[in-house]
Amino acid sequence: MKKLVSAVVVTVAVMASGVAVAGDAAAGKAKSATCAGCHGAVGVSNNPLWPNLAGQKEAYLAKQIKAFRDGTRTDPMMSPMAKPLTDDDIANLAAYYSSLGAK
C-alpha cells in the first residue's frame, strides 16, 4: 500500500510541476537541426563548453529548455535559441534526445 501511495504522490507532483512530458521523438529529430550546431548531430557536443544532450532524462531536458525559454535560466547563447520554442517543440526535442541513449 505504501508503494501505491508513493507512486500516486510522485505522479501528482510531476504533473503539477508542469514537467510531465509526452513528446514525439521523430518530430524532435526534425526540429533538432538547429541544436546540432552546438550539441552535435546525435546530441554529443564536440565542444566541452556545451553539454551532451543524448541520453539525458526527458523531463529534465524539457524543464531546462523551458527555463531558458521563459528566462528563469539564462545563457547568452541558449536563451535566444529557446525563446521561439513552443511547449510541443520542447517536448519533442526532449523525447528525441532522451531516446538517443548516453554516449
PDB file of N, CA and C in Angstrom:
ATOM      1  N   MET A   1       0.826  -1.196   0.000  1.00  0.00           N
ATOM      2  CA  MET A   1       0.000   0.000   0.000  1.00  0.00           C
ATOM      3  C   MET A   1       0.865   1.253   0.000  1.00  0.00           C
ATOM      4  N   LYS A   2       1.968   1.216   0.766  1.00  0.00           N
ATOM      5  CA  LYS A   2       2.863   2.378   0.807  1.00  0.00           C
ATOM      6  C   LYS A   2       3.418   2.689  -0.578  1.00  0.00           C
ATOM      7  N   LYS A   3       3.746   1.648  -1.333  1.00  0.00           N
ATOM      8  CA  LYS A   3       4.285   1.862  -2.678  1.00  0.00           C
ATOM      9  C   LYS A   3       3.247   2.521  -3.585  1.00  0.00           C
ATOM     10  N   LEU A   4       2.021   2.099  -3.468  1.00  0.00           N
ATOM     11  CA  LEU A   4       0.951   2.689  -4.272  1.00  0.00           C
ATOM     12  C   LEU A   4       0.762   4.159  -3.933  1.00  0.00           C
ATOM     13  N   VAL A   5       0.716   4.468  -2.654  1.00  0.00           N
ATOM     14  CA  VAL A   5       0.558   5.860  -2.225  1.00  0.00           C
ATOM     15  C   VAL A   5       1.741   6.694  -2.700  1.00  0.00           C
ATOM     16  N   SER A   6       2.949   6.156  -2.570  1.00  0.00           N
ATOM     17  CA  SER A   6       4.142   6.873  -3.028  1.00  0.00           C
ATOM     18  C   SER A   6       4.089   7.134  -4.524  1.00  0.00           C
ATOM     19  N   ALA A   7       3.678   6.122  -5.286  1.00  0.00           N
ATOM     20  CA  ALA A   7       3.596   6.282  -6.731  1.00  0.00           C
ATOM     21  C   ALA A   7       2.578   7.348  -7.111  1.00  0.00           C
ATOM     22  N   VAL A   8       1.451   7.370  -6.440  1.00  0.00           N
ATOM     23  CA  VAL A   8       0.423   8.372  -6.709  1.00  0.00           C
ATOM     24  C   VAL A   8       0.935   9.763  -6.367  1.00  0.00           C
ATOM     25  N   VAL A   9       1.598   9.897  -5.246  1.00  0.00           N
ATOM     26  CA  VAL A   9       2.127  11.203  -4.825  1.00  0.00           C
ATOM     27  C   VAL A   9       3.155  11.707  -5.834  1.00  0.00           C
ATOM     28  N   VAL A  10       4.060  10.866  -6.261  1.00  0.00           N
ATOM     29  CA  VAL A  10       5.081  11.266  -7.233  1.00  0.00           C
ATOM     30  C   VAL A  10       4.429  11.654  -8.557  1.00  0.00           C
ATOM     31  N   THR A  11       3.474  10.869  -9.011  1.00  0.00           N
ATOM     32  CA  THR A  11       2.793  11.169 -10.270  1.00  0.00           C
ATOM     33  C   THR A  11       2.084  12.520 -10.206  1.00  0.00           C
ATOM     34  N   VAL A  12       1.380  12.762  -9.140  1.00  0.00           N
ATOM     35  CA  VAL A  12       0.678  14.038  -8.979  1.00  0.00           C
ATOM     36  C   VAL A  12       1.673  15.191  -8.915  1.00  0.00           C
ATOM     37  N   ALA A  13       2.771  15.003  -8.212  1.00  0.00           N
ATOM     38  CA  ALA A  13       3.782  16.063  -8.095  1.00  0.00           C
ATOM     39  C   ALA A  13       4.391  16.401  -9.450  1.00  0.00           C
ATOM     40  N   VAL A  14       4.700  15.385 -10.233  1.00  0.00           N
ATOM     41  CA  VAL A  14       5.280  15.623 -11.562  1.00  0.00           C
ATOM     42  C   VAL A  14       4.279  16.338 -12.462  1.00  0.00           C
ATOM     43  N   MET A  15       3.050  15.898 -12.437  1.00  0.00           N
ATOM     44  CA  MET A  15       2.036  16.530 -13.276  1.00  0.00           C
ATOM     45  C   MET A  15       1.774  17.963 -12.849  1.00  0.00           C
ATOM     46  N   ALA A  16       1.767  18.219 -11.566  1.00  0.00           N
ATOM     47  CA  ALA A  16       1.517  19.565 -11.060  1.00  0.00           C
ATOM     48  C   ALA A  16       2.678  20.503 -11.356  1.00  0.00           C
ATOM     49  N   SER A  17       3.876  19.961 -11.461  1.00  0.00           N
ATOM     50  CA  SER A  17       5.041  20.809 -11.699  1.00  0.00           C
ATOM     51  C   SER A  17       5.155  21.240 -13.150  1.00  0.00           C
ATOM     52  N   GLY A  18       4.353  20.656 -14.016  1.00  0.00           N
ATOM     53  CA  GLY A  18       4.391  21.049 -15.422  1.00  0.00           C
ATOM     54  C   GLY A  18       5.514  20.411 -16.203  1.00  0.00           C
ATOM     55  N   VAL A  19       6.155  19.375 -15.661  1.00  0.00           N
ATOM     56  CA  VAL A  19       7.245  18.752 -16.380  1.00  0.00           C
ATOM     57  C   VAL A  19       6.864  17.391 -16.943  1.00  0.00           C
ATOM     58  N   ALA A  20       5.605  17.034 -16.875  1.00  0.00           N
ATOM     59  CA  ALA A  20       5.182  15.792 -17.500  1.00  0.00           C
ATOM     60  C   ALA A  20       5.403  15.937 -18.999  1.00  0.00           C
ATOM     61  N   VAL A  21       6.075  14.988 -19.582  1.00  0.00           N
ATOM     62  CA  VAL A  21       6.495  15.096 -20.967  1.00  0.00           C
ATOM     63  C   VAL A  21       5.955  13.913 -21.753  1.00  0.00           C
ATOM     64  N   ALA A  22       5.423  14.184 -22.905  1.00  0.00           N
ATOM     65  CA  ALA A  22       4.981  13.122 -23.795  1.00  0.00           C
ATOM     66  C   ALA A  22       5.256  13.568 -25.218  1.00  0.00           C
ATOM     67  N   GLY A  23       6.518  13.710 -25.535  1.00  0.00           N
ATOM     68  CA  GLY A  23       6.887  14.238 -26.837  1.00  0.00           C
ATOM     69  C   GLY A  23       6.987  13.183 -27.917  1.00  0.00           C
ATOM     70  N   ASP A  24       7.115  13.645 -29.133  1.00  0.00           N
ATOM     71  CA  ASP A  24       7.250  12.823 -30.326  1.00  0.00           C
ATOM     72  C   ASP A  24       8.707  12.896 -30.770  1.00  0.00           C
ATOM     73  N   ALA A  25       9.444  11.798 -30.588  1.00  0.00           N
ATOM     74  CA  ALA A  25      10.872  11.785 -30.890  1.00  0.00           C
ATOM     75  C   ALA A  25      11.154  12.068 -32.367  1.00  0.00           C
ATOM     76  N   ALA A  26      10.306  11.584 -33.264  1.00  0.00           N
ATOM     77  CA  ALA A  26      10.515  11.833 -34.700  1.00  0.00           C
ATOM     78  C   ALA A  26      10.396  13.323 -35.017  1.00  0.00           C
ATOM     79  N   ALA A  27       9.402  13.977 -34.428  1.00  0.00           N
ATOM     80  CA  ALA A  27       9.246  15.421 -34.622  1.00  0.00           C
ATOM     81  C   ALA A  27      10.420  16.162 -33.981  1.00  0.00           C
ATOM     82  N   GLY A  28      10.894  15.667 -32.857  1.00  0.00           N
ATOM     83  CA  GLY A  28      12.049  16.274 -32.200  1.00  0.00           C
ATOM     84  C   GLY A  28      13.303  16.166 -33.037  1.00  0.00           C
ATOM     85  N   LYS A  29      13.478  15.024 -33.684  1.00  0.00           N
ATOM     86  CA  LYS A  29      14.645  14.852 -34.561  1.00  0.00           C
ATOM     87  C   LYS A  29      14.610  15.869 -35.689  1.00  0.00           C
ATOM     88  N   ALA A  30      13.440  16.072 -36.280  1.00  0.00           N
ATOM     89  CA  ALA A  30      13.305  17.050 -37.359  1.00  0.00           C
ATOM     90  C   ALA A  30      13.611  18.461 -36.859  1.00  0.00           C
ATOM     91  N   LYS A  31      13.217  18.756 -35.632  1.00  0.00           N
ATOM     92  CA  LYS A  31      13.411  20.092 -35.061  1.00  0.00           C
ATOM     93  C   LYS A  31      14.850  20.296 -34.586  1.00  0.00           C
ATOM     94  N   SER A  32      15.611  19.227 -34.402  1.00  0.00           N
ATOM     95  CA  SER A  32      16.938  19.311 -33.779  1.00  0.00           C
ATOM     96  C   SER A  32      18.047  19.835 -34.677  1.00  0.00           C
ATOM     97  N   ALA A  33      17.757  20.101 -35.931  1.00  0.00           N
ATOM     98  CA  ALA A  33      18.804  20.572 -36.844  1.00  0.00           C
ATOM     99  C   ALA A  33      19.497  21.823 -36.317  1.00  0.00           C
ATOM    100  N   THR A  34      18.735  22.723 -35.732  1.00  0.00           N
ATOM    101  CA  THR A  34      19.311  23.951 -35.181  1.00  0.00           C
ATOM    102  C   THR A  34      20.195  23.645 -33.976  1.00  0.00           C
ATOM    103  N   CYS A  35      19.811  22.668 -33.189  1.00  0.00           N
ATOM    104  CA  CYS A  35      20.550  22.302 -31.974  1.00  0.00           C
ATOM    105  C   CYS A  35      21.893  21.652 -32.307  1.00  0.00           C
ATOM    106  N   ALA A  36      21.959  20.976 -33.454  1.00  0.00           N
ATOM    107  CA  ALA A  36      23.134  20.192 -33.826  1.00  0.00           C
ATOM    108  C   ALA A  36      24.395  21.036 -33.951  1.00  0.00           C
ATOM    109  N   GLY A  37      24.261  22.306 -34.264  1.00  0.00           N
ATOM    110  CA  GLY A  37      25.431  23.165 -34.396  1.00  0.00           C
ATOM    111  C   GLY A  37      26.279  23.211 -33.138  1.00  0.00           C
ATOM    112  N   CYS A  38      25.650  23.165 -31.996  1.00  0.00           N
ATOM    113  CA  CYS A  38      26.374  23.194 -30.720  1.00  0.00           C
ATOM    114  C   CYS A  38      26.389  21.840 -30.016  1.00  0.00           C
ATOM    115  N   HIS A  39      25.275  21.122 -30.074  1.00  0.00           N
ATOM    116  CA  HIS A  39      25.123  19.892 -29.298  1.00  0.00           C
ATOM    117  C   HIS A  39      25.415  18.633 -30.098  1.00  0.00           C
ATOM    118  N   GLY A  40      25.830  18.778 -31.358  1.00  0.00           N
ATOM    119  CA  GLY A  40      26.188  17.636 -32.184  1.00  0.00           C
ATOM    120  C   GLY A  40      24.992  17.013 -32.878  1.00  0.00           C
ATOM    121  N   ALA A  41      25.244  16.351 -33.984  1.00  0.00           N
ATOM    122  CA  ALA A  41      24.185  15.763 -34.800  1.00  0.00           C
ATOM    123  C   ALA A  41      23.403  14.690 -34.057  1.00  0.00           C
ATOM    124  N   VAL A  42      24.046  14.002 -33.133  1.00  0.00           N
ATOM    125  CA  VAL A  42      23.353  12.972 -32.351  1.00  0.00           C
ATOM    126  C   VAL A  42      23.403  13.290 -30.855  1.00  0.00           C
ATOM    127  N   GLY A  43      23.447  14.591 -30.552  1.00  0.00           N
ATOM    128  CA  GLY A  43      23.372  15.018 -29.157  1.00  0.00           C
ATOM    129  C   GLY A  43      24.667  14.936 -28.383  1.00  0.00           C
ATOM    130  N   VAL A  44      25.783  14.777 -29.073  1.00  0.00           N
ATOM    131  CA  VAL A  44      27.088  14.724 -28.414  1.00  0.00           C
ATOM    132  C   VAL A  44      27.920  15.888 -28.939  1.00  0.00           C
ATOM    133  N   SER A  45      28.221  16.815 -28.056  1.00  0.00           N
ATOM    134  CA  SER A  45      28.936  18.032 -28.431  1.00  0.00           C
ATOM    135  C   SER A  45      30.434  17.781 -28.577  1.00  0.00           C
ATOM    136  N   ASN A  46      31.034  18.446 -29.561  1.00  0.00           N
ATOM    137  CA  ASN A  46      32.491  18.403 -29.719  1.00  0.00           C
ATOM    138  C   ASN A  46      33.180  19.450 -28.859  1.00  0.00           C
ATOM    139  N   ASN A  47      32.406  20.378 -28.325  1.00  0.00           N
ATOM    140  CA  ASN A  47      32.947  21.472 -27.526  1.00  0.00           C
ATOM    141  C   ASN A  47      32.672  21.187 -26.048  1.00  0.00           C
ATOM    142  N   PRO A  48      33.702  21.202 -25.205  1.00  0.00           N
ATOM    143  CA  PRO A  48      33.483  20.900 -23.784  1.00  0.00           C
ATOM    144  C   PRO A  48      32.642  21.951 -23.048  1.00  0.00           C
ATOM    145  N   LEU A  49      32.390  23.091 -23.656  1.00  0.00           N
ATOM    146  CA  LEU A  49      31.566  24.122 -23.025  1.00  0.00           C
ATOM    147  C   LEU A  49      30.074  23.855 -23.175  1.00  0.00           C
ATOM    148  N   TRP A  50      29.700  23.002 -24.127  1.00  0.00           N
ATOM    149  CA  TRP A  50      28.285  22.723 -24.392  1.00  0.00           C
ATOM    150  C   TRP A  50      27.973  21.296 -23.979  1.00  0.00           C
ATOM    151  N   PRO A  51      26.862  21.097 -23.310  1.00  0.00           N
ATOM    152  CA  PRO A  51      26.557  19.758 -22.790  1.00  0.00           C
ATOM    153  C   PRO A  51      26.093  18.783 -23.873  1.00  0.00           C
ATOM    154  N   ASN A  52      26.350  17.509 -23.596  1.00  0.00           N
ATOM    155  CA  ASN A  52      25.770  16.438 -24.400  1.00  0.00           C
ATOM    156  C   ASN A  52      24.303  16.325 -24.003  1.00  0.00           C
ATOM    157  N   LEU A  53      23.443  16.189 -24.972  1.00  0.00           N
ATOM    158  CA  LEU A  53      22.012  16.037 -24.703  1.00  0.00           C
ATOM    159  C   LEU A  53      21.560  14.590 -24.828  1.00  0.00           C
ATOM    160  N   ALA A  54      22.291  13.800 -25.593  1.00  0.00           N
ATOM    161  CA  ALA A  54      21.927  12.398 -25.796  1.00  0.00           C
ATOM    162  C   ALA A  54      21.888  11.669 -24.457  1.00  0.00           C
ATOM    163  N   GLY A  55      20.777  10.993 -24.226  1.00  0.00           N
ATOM    164  CA  GLY A  55      20.652  10.181 -23.021  1.00  0.00           C
ATOM    165  C   GLY A  55      20.215  10.913 -21.772  1.00  0.00           C
ATOM    166  N   GLN A  56      20.046  12.221 -21.858  1.00  0.00           N
ATOM    167  CA  GLN A  56      19.535  12.949 -20.689  1.00  0.00           C
ATOM    168  C   GLN A  56      18.090  12.533 -20.457  1.00  0.00           C
ATOM    169  N   LYS A  57      17.633  12.653 -19.253  1.00  0.00           N
ATOM    170  CA  LYS A  57      16.247  12.312 -18.939  1.00  0.00           C
ATOM    171  C   LYS A  57      15.309  13.324 -19.592  1.00  0.00           C
ATOM    172  N   GLU A  58      14.227  12.795 -20.141  1.00  0.00           N
ATOM    173  CA  GLU A  58      13.287  13.605 -20.912  1.00  0.00           C
ATOM    174  C   GLU A  58      12.714  14.768 -20.104  1.00  0.00           C
ATOM    175  N   ALA A  59      12.258  14.506 -18.899  1.00  0.00           N
ATOM    176  CA  ALA A  59      11.663  15.562 -18.072  1.00  0.00           C
ATOM    177  C   ALA A  59      12.694  16.631 -17.718  1.00  0.00           C
ATOM    178  N   TYR A  60      13.938  16.216 -17.469  1.00  0.00           N
ATOM    179  CA  TYR A  60      14.999  17.174 -17.153  1.00  0.00           C
ATOM    180  C   TYR A  60      15.256  18.097 -18.347  1.00  0.00           C
ATOM    181  N   LEU A  61      15.386  17.508 -19.531  1.00  0.00           N
ATOM    182  CA  LEU A  61      15.617  18.329 -20.723  1.00  0.00           C
ATOM    183  C   LEU A  61      14.490  19.328 -20.934  1.00  0.00           C
ATOM    184  N   ALA A  62      13.261  18.860 -20.832  1.00  0.00           N
ATOM    185  CA  ALA A  62      12.117  19.749 -21.032  1.00  0.00           C
ATOM    186  C   ALA A  62      12.135  20.887 -20.018  1.00  0.00           C
ATOM    187  N   LYS A  63      12.402  20.567 -18.784  1.00  0.00           N
ATOM    188  CA  LYS A  63      12.428  21.596 -17.733  1.00  0.00           C
ATOM    189  C   LYS A  63      13.508  22.644 -18.002  1.00  0.00           C
ATOM    190  N   GLN A  64      14.691  22.205 -18.406  1.00  0.00           N
ATOM    191  CA  GLN A  64      15.786  23.145 -18.642  1.00  0.00           C
ATOM    192  C   GLN A  64      15.541  24.008 -19.877  1.00  0.00           C
ATOM    193  N   ILE A  65      15.035  23.411 -20.942  1.00  0.00           N
ATOM    194  CA  ILE A  65      14.763  24.192 -22.155  1.00  0.00           C
ATOM    195  C   ILE A  65      13.669  25.222 -21.866  1.00  0.00           C
ATOM    196  N   LYS A  66      12.635  24.820 -21.128  1.00  0.00           N
ATOM    197  CA  LYS A  66      11.584  25.774 -20.753  1.00  0.00           C
ATOM    198  C   LYS A  66      12.151  26.902 -19.894  1.00  0.00           C
ATOM    199  N   ALA A  67      13.059  26.577 -19.011  1.00  0.00           N
ATOM    200  CA  ALA A  67      13.670  27.608 -18.157  1.00  0.00           C
ATOM    201  C   ALA A  67      14.447  28.615 -19.005  1.00  0.00           C
ATOM    202  N   PHE A  68      15.170  28.147 -20.017  1.00  0.00           N
ATOM    203  CA  PHE A  68      15.862  29.072 -20.927  1.00  0.00           C
ATOM    204  C   PHE A  68      14.850  29.914 -21.699  1.00  0.00           C
ATOM    205  N   ARG A  69      13.804  29.273 -22.190  1.00  0.00           N
ATOM    206  CA  ARG A  69      12.787  29.989 -22.967  1.00  0.00           C
ATOM    207  C   ARG A  69      12.089  31.052 -22.123  1.00  0.00           C
ATOM    208  N   ASP A  70      11.737  30.701 -20.900  1.00  0.00           N
ATOM    209  CA  ASP A  70      10.958  31.587 -20.042  1.00  0.00           C
ATOM    210  C   ASP A  70      11.796  32.596 -19.261  1.00  0.00           C
ATOM    211  N   GLY A  71      13.123  32.466 -19.326  1.00  0.00           N
ATOM    212  CA  GLY A  71      14.003  33.429 -18.684  1.00  0.00           C
ATOM    213  C   GLY A  71      14.346  33.134 -17.231  1.00  0.00           C
ATOM    214  N   THR A  72      13.910  31.992 -16.691  1.00  0.00           N
ATOM    215  CA  THR A  72      14.295  31.659 -15.319  1.00  0.00           C
ATOM    216  C   THR A  72      15.699  31.096 -15.264  1.00  0.00           C
ATOM    217  N   ARG A  73      16.222  30.701 -16.404  1.00  0.00           N
ATOM    218  CA  ARG A  73      17.618  30.310 -16.560  1.00  0.00           C
ATOM    219  C   ARG A  73      18.117  31.066 -17.775  1.00  0.00           C
ATOM    220  N   THR A  74      19.298  31.653 -17.680  1.00  0.00           N
ATOM    221  CA  THR A  74      19.776  32.453 -18.805  1.00  0.00           C
ATOM    222  C   THR A  74      21.163  32.018 -19.247  1.00  0.00           C
ATOM    223  N   ASP A  75      21.392  32.176 -20.509  1.00  0.00           N
ATOM    224  CA  ASP A  75      22.688  31.931 -21.132  1.00  0.00           C
ATOM    225  C   ASP A  75      22.674  32.732 -22.429  1.00  0.00           C
ATOM    226  N   PRO A  76      23.753  33.465 -22.719  1.00  0.00           N
ATOM    227  CA  PRO A  76      23.738  34.320 -23.906  1.00  0.00           C
ATOM    228  C   PRO A  76      23.558  33.558 -25.220  1.00  0.00           C
ATOM    229  N   MET A  77      23.919  32.283 -25.262  1.00  0.00           N
ATOM    230  CA  MET A  77      23.750  31.510 -26.495  1.00  0.00           C
ATOM    231  C   MET A  77      22.427  30.747 -26.492  1.00  0.00           C
ATOM    232  N   MET A  78      22.095  30.143 -25.361  1.00  0.00           N
ATOM    233  CA  MET A  78      20.947  29.236 -25.317  1.00  0.00           C
ATOM    234  C   MET A  78      19.606  29.964 -25.190  1.00  0.00           C
ATOM    235  N   SER A  79      19.567  31.019 -24.444  1.00  0.00           N
ATOM    236  CA  SER A  79      18.296  31.724 -24.232  1.00  0.00           C
ATOM    237  C   SER A  79      17.633  32.153 -25.542  1.00  0.00           C
ATOM    238  N   PRO A  80      18.365  32.794 -26.469  1.00  0.00           N
ATOM    239  CA  PRO A  80      17.722  33.181 -27.730  1.00  0.00           C
ATOM    240  C   PRO A  80      17.310  31.979 -28.582  1.00  0.00           C
ATOM    241  N   MET A  81      18.016  30.864 -28.449  1.00  0.00           N
ATOM    242  CA  MET A  81      17.658  29.674 -29.221  1.00  0.00           C
ATOM    243  C   MET A  81      16.355  29.060 -28.704  1.00  0.00           C
ATOM    244  N   ALA A  82      16.141  29.130 -27.394  1.00  0.00           N
ATOM    245  CA  ALA A  82      14.960  28.518 -26.787  1.00  0.00           C
ATOM    246  C   ALA A  82      13.724  29.411 -26.869  1.00  0.00           C
ATOM    247  N   LYS A  83      13.937  30.705 -27.001  1.00  0.00           N
ATOM    248  CA  LYS A  83      12.829  31.671 -26.949  1.00  0.00           C
ATOM    249  C   LYS A  83      11.672  31.343 -27.902  1.00  0.00           C
ATOM    250  N   PRO A  84      11.913  30.977 -29.155  1.00  0.00           N
ATOM    251  CA  PRO A  84      10.782  30.736 -30.062  1.00  0.00           C
ATOM    252  C   PRO A  84      10.142  29.350 -29.945  1.00  0.00           C
ATOM    253  N   LEU A  85      10.671  28.491 -29.085  1.00  0.00           N
ATOM    254  CA  LEU A  85      10.154  27.125 -28.998  1.00  0.00           C
ATOM    255  C   LEU A  85       8.806  27.063 -28.288  1.00  0.00           C
ATOM    256  N   THR A  86       7.909  26.271 -28.841  1.00  0.00           N
ATOM    257  CA  THR A  86       6.613  26.041 -28.202  1.00  0.00           C
ATOM    258  C   THR A  86       6.762  24.902 -27.191  1.00  0.00           C
ATOM    259  N   ASP A  87       5.740  24.708 -26.372  1.00  0.00           N
ATOM    260  CA  ASP A  87       5.761  23.578 -25.441  1.00  0.00           C
ATOM    261  C   ASP A  87       5.871  22.258 -26.197  1.00  0.00           C
ATOM    262  N   ASP A  88       5.185  22.143 -27.329  1.00  0.00           N
ATOM    263  CA  ASP A  88       5.272  20.922 -28.131  1.00  0.00           C
ATOM    264  C   ASP A  88       6.679  20.723 -28.692  1.00  0.00           C
ATOM    265  N   ASP A  89       7.302  21.810 -29.186  1.00  0.00           N
ATOM    266  CA  ASP A  89       8.676  21.712 -29.686  1.00  0.00           C
ATOM    267  C   ASP A  89       9.599  21.177 -28.593  1.00  0.00           C
ATOM    268  N   ILE A  90       9.451  21.735 -27.399  1.00  0.00           N
ATOM    269  CA  ILE A  90      10.305  21.341 -26.279  1.00  0.00           C
ATOM    270  C   ILE A  90      10.079  19.881 -25.909  1.00  0.00           C
ATOM    271  N   ALA A  91       8.828  19.467 -25.831  1.00  0.00           N
ATOM    272  CA  ALA A  91       8.525  18.069 -25.507  1.00  0.00           C
ATOM    273  C   ALA A  91       9.099  17.134 -26.571  1.00  0.00           C
ATOM    274  N   ASN A  92       9.004  17.523 -27.828  1.00  0.00           N
ATOM    275  CA  ASN A  92       9.516  16.691 -28.920  1.00  0.00           C
ATOM    276  C   ASN A  92      11.039  16.610 -28.897  1.00  0.00           C
ATOM    277  N   LEU A  93      11.697  17.737 -28.669  1.00  0.00           N
ATOM    278  CA  LEU A  93      13.158  17.729 -28.570  1.00  0.00           C
ATOM    279  C   LEU A  93      13.621  16.881 -27.393  1.00  0.00           C
ATOM    280  N   ALA A  94      12.959  17.021 -26.262  1.00  0.00           N
ATOM    281  CA  ALA A  94      13.316  16.241 -25.077  1.00  0.00           C
ATOM    282  C   ALA A  94      13.122  14.746 -25.345  1.00  0.00           C
ATOM    283  N   ALA A  95      12.041  14.386 -26.020  1.00  0.00           N
ATOM    284  CA  ALA A  95      11.795  12.982 -26.354  1.00  0.00           C
ATOM    285  C   ALA A  95      12.880  12.448 -27.283  1.00  0.00           C
ATOM    286  N   TYR A  96      13.260  13.248 -28.263  1.00  0.00           N
ATOM    287  CA  TYR A  96      14.290  12.823 -29.213  1.00  0.00           C
ATOM    288  C   TYR A  96      15.629  12.609 -28.515  1.00  0.00           C
ATOM    289  N   TYR A  97      16.108  13.615 -27.795  1.00  0.00           N
ATOM    290  CA  TYR A  97      17.430  13.492 -27.183  1.00  0.00           C
ATOM    291  C   TYR A  97      17.478  12.409 -26.114  1.00  0.00           C
ATOM    292  N   SER A  98      16.399  12.241 -25.374  1.00  0.00           N
ATOM    293  CA  SER A  98      16.403  11.180 -24.361  1.00  0.00           C
ATOM    294  C   SER A  98      16.368   9.798 -24.990  1.00  0.00           C
ATOM    295  N   SER A  99      15.833   9.694 -26.204  1.00  0.00           N
ATOM    296  CA  SER A  99      15.759   8.399 -26.876  1.00  0.00           C
ATOM    297  C   SER A  99      17.105   7.944 -27.431  1.00  0.00           C
ATOM    298  N   LEU A 100      18.052   8.849 -27.532  1.00  0.00           N
ATOM    299  CA  LEU A 100      19.339   8.509 -28.151  1.00  0.00           C
ATOM    300  C   LEU A 100      20.217   7.648 -27.257  1.00  0.00           C
ATOM    301  N   GLY A 101      20.036   7.702 -25.992  1.00  0.00           N
ATOM    302  CA  GLY A 101      20.907   6.958 -25.085  1.00  0.00           C
ATOM    303  C   GLY A 101      22.215   7.700 -24.881  1.00  0.00           C
ATOM    304  N   ALA A 102      22.775   7.556 -23.721  1.00  0.00           N
ATOM    305  CA  ALA A 102      24.028   8.251 -23.386  1.00  0.00           C
ATOM    306  C   ALA A 102      25.160   7.736 -24.261  1.00  0.00           C
ATOM    307  N   LYS A 103      26.024   8.652 -24.644  1.00  0.00           N
ATOM    308  CA  LYS A 103      27.177   8.291 -25.480  1.00  0.00           C
ATOM    309  C   LYS A 103      28.446   8.385 -24.664  1.00  0.00           C
TER     310      LYS A 103
END
